[in-house]
Amino acid sequence: MNRLRSALVMAAAGALLAVPAAMGTASAAPVAAPAVKAPEPGCAKLGASGQWWADIHNVCGHTISASMEVDGFDPSCIQIGPGGVGRIGLDVGDEPYYAYEC
């Protein structure tokens, strides 16, 4: 019985000493996660734009109501079908920043 107890004590001591060494080794070399760009939320995405106009793309499979953030007062919401593009008229000096669902 003494040999069995000695063997169990030695095995337990070895296991206790091995765990911190393995933990120390794993945390010694931190690995940086690759940068992941999160997709924009919602279905409305700002498309092409020019003086007096801007396009909004509906990237979803259902009809949405959308507008865009501009300097000053935001244009009224428009309805855009699934996968479609809607054009919004802008005022002089309006700079579109992003599209959003209304």
Protein backbone atom coordinates (compact mmCIF):
# COMPACT_ATOMS: atom_id res chain seq x y z
CA MET A 1 0.00 0.00 0.00
CA ASN A 2 2.91 2.34 0.69
CA ARG A 3 4.27 1.91 -2.84
CA LEU A 4 0.88 2.67 -4.35
CA ARG A 5 0.54 5.80 -2.17
CA SER A 6 4.08 6.90 -3.11
CA ALA A 7 3.37 6.37 -6.79
CA LEU A 8 0.15 8.41 -6.55
CA VAL A 9 1.89 11.24 -4.65
CA MET A 10 4.70 11.34 -7.23
CA ALA A 11 2.19 11.37 -10.11
CA ALA A 12 0.16 14.16 -8.49
CA ALA A 13 3.29 16.23 -7.82
CA GLY A 14 4.44 15.79 -11.42
CA ALA A 15 1.04 16.88 -12.71
CA LEU A 16 1.01 19.97 -10.49
CA LEU A 17 4.47 21.00 -11.65
CA ALA A 18 3.67 20.42 -15.34
CA VAL A 19 0.50 22.55 -15.42
CA PRO A 20 2.08 25.92 -14.44
CA ALA A 21 4.99 25.30 -16.82
CA ALA A 22 2.59 24.69 -19.70
CA MET A 23 0.53 27.74 -18.78
CA GLY A 24 3.63 29.90 -18.59
CA THR A 25 4.79 28.74 -21.99
CA ALA A 26 1.44 29.44 -23.62
CA SER A 27 1.15 32.96 -22.24
CA ALA A 28 4.75 33.91 -22.98
CA ALA A 29 4.12 34.42 -26.69
CA PRO A 30 0.87 36.33 -27.26
CA VAL A 31 -0.50 36.04 -30.77
CA ALA A 32 -2.14 39.08 -32.35
CA ALA A 33 -5.53 38.44 -33.90
CA PRO A 34 -5.86 39.41 -37.54
CA ALA A 35 -7.70 42.68 -38.14
CA VAL A 36 -11.29 42.03 -39.15
CA LYS A 37 -13.32 44.85 -40.65
CA ALA A 38 -16.87 44.65 -39.43
CA PRO A 39 -19.47 45.07 -42.15
CA GLU A 40 -21.64 48.17 -42.08
CA PRO A 41 -24.94 47.51 -40.31
CA GLY A 42 -28.19 47.60 -42.26
CA CYS A 43 -29.14 47.20 -45.89
CA ALA A 44 -28.55 50.77 -47.11
CA LYS A 45 -25.08 51.49 -48.53
CA LEU A 46 -23.91 54.80 -49.99
CA GLY A 47 -23.06 54.44 -53.67
CA ALA A 48 -21.81 56.90 -56.25
CA SER A 49 -22.47 60.60 -55.80
CA GLY A 50 -22.01 63.85 -57.63
CA GLN A 51 -23.10 67.46 -57.51
CA TRP A 52 -26.82 67.51 -56.69
CA TRP A 53 -27.28 63.71 -56.31
CA ALA A 54 -26.22 60.49 -54.51
CA ASP A 55 -27.14 56.82 -54.92
CA ILE A 56 -28.16 54.41 -52.18
CA HIS A 57 -27.78 50.66 -52.78
CA ASN A 58 -30.11 48.17 -51.10
CA VAL A 59 -27.91 45.11 -50.48
CA CYS A 60 -30.72 43.05 -48.92
CA GLY A 61 -33.41 40.85 -50.40
CA HIS A 62 -36.36 42.95 -49.21
CA THR A 63 -37.66 46.50 -49.82
CA ILE A 64 -36.27 49.21 -47.54
CA SER A 65 -36.84 52.88 -46.84
CA ALA A 66 -33.55 54.80 -46.75
CA SER A 67 -31.87 58.20 -46.70
CA MET A 68 -28.37 59.52 -46.11
CA GLU A 69 -26.49 61.66 -43.66
CA VAL A 70 -25.37 64.95 -45.20
CA ASP A 71 -24.19 68.33 -43.96
CA GLY A 72 -27.27 70.12 -42.76
CA PHE A 73 -30.78 68.69 -43.19
CA ASP A 74 -30.97 65.03 -44.30
CA PRO A 75 -33.01 64.33 -47.47
CA SER A 76 -36.39 62.61 -47.20
CA CYS A 77 -36.47 58.81 -47.11
CA ILE A 78 -37.03 56.92 -50.35
CA GLN A 79 -38.19 53.35 -50.95
CA ILE A 80 -35.70 50.99 -52.64
CA GLY A 81 -36.57 47.49 -53.83
CA PRO A 82 -34.50 44.34 -53.13
CA GLY A 83 -31.01 44.68 -54.63
CA GLY A 84 -31.99 48.01 -56.17
CA VAL A 85 -30.49 51.49 -56.30
CA GLY A 86 -32.27 54.71 -55.40
CA ARG A 87 -31.09 58.22 -56.24
CA ILE A 88 -31.55 61.13 -53.84
CA GLY A 89 -31.32 64.77 -54.86
CA LEU A 90 -28.97 66.94 -52.82
CA ASP A 91 -28.77 70.67 -52.14
CA VAL A 92 -25.80 72.84 -53.05
CA GLY A 93 -22.84 71.98 -50.82
CA ASP A 94 -24.37 68.78 -49.37
CA GLU A 95 -21.69 66.14 -48.79
CA PRO A 96 -23.09 62.58 -48.31
CA TYR A 97 -21.41 60.67 -45.46
CA TYR A 98 -23.33 57.40 -45.19
CA ALA A 99 -26.70 55.84 -46.01
CA TYR A 100 -29.13 54.55 -43.39
CA GLU A 101 -32.51 52.87 -43.15
CA CYS A 102 -35.43 55.07 -42.04
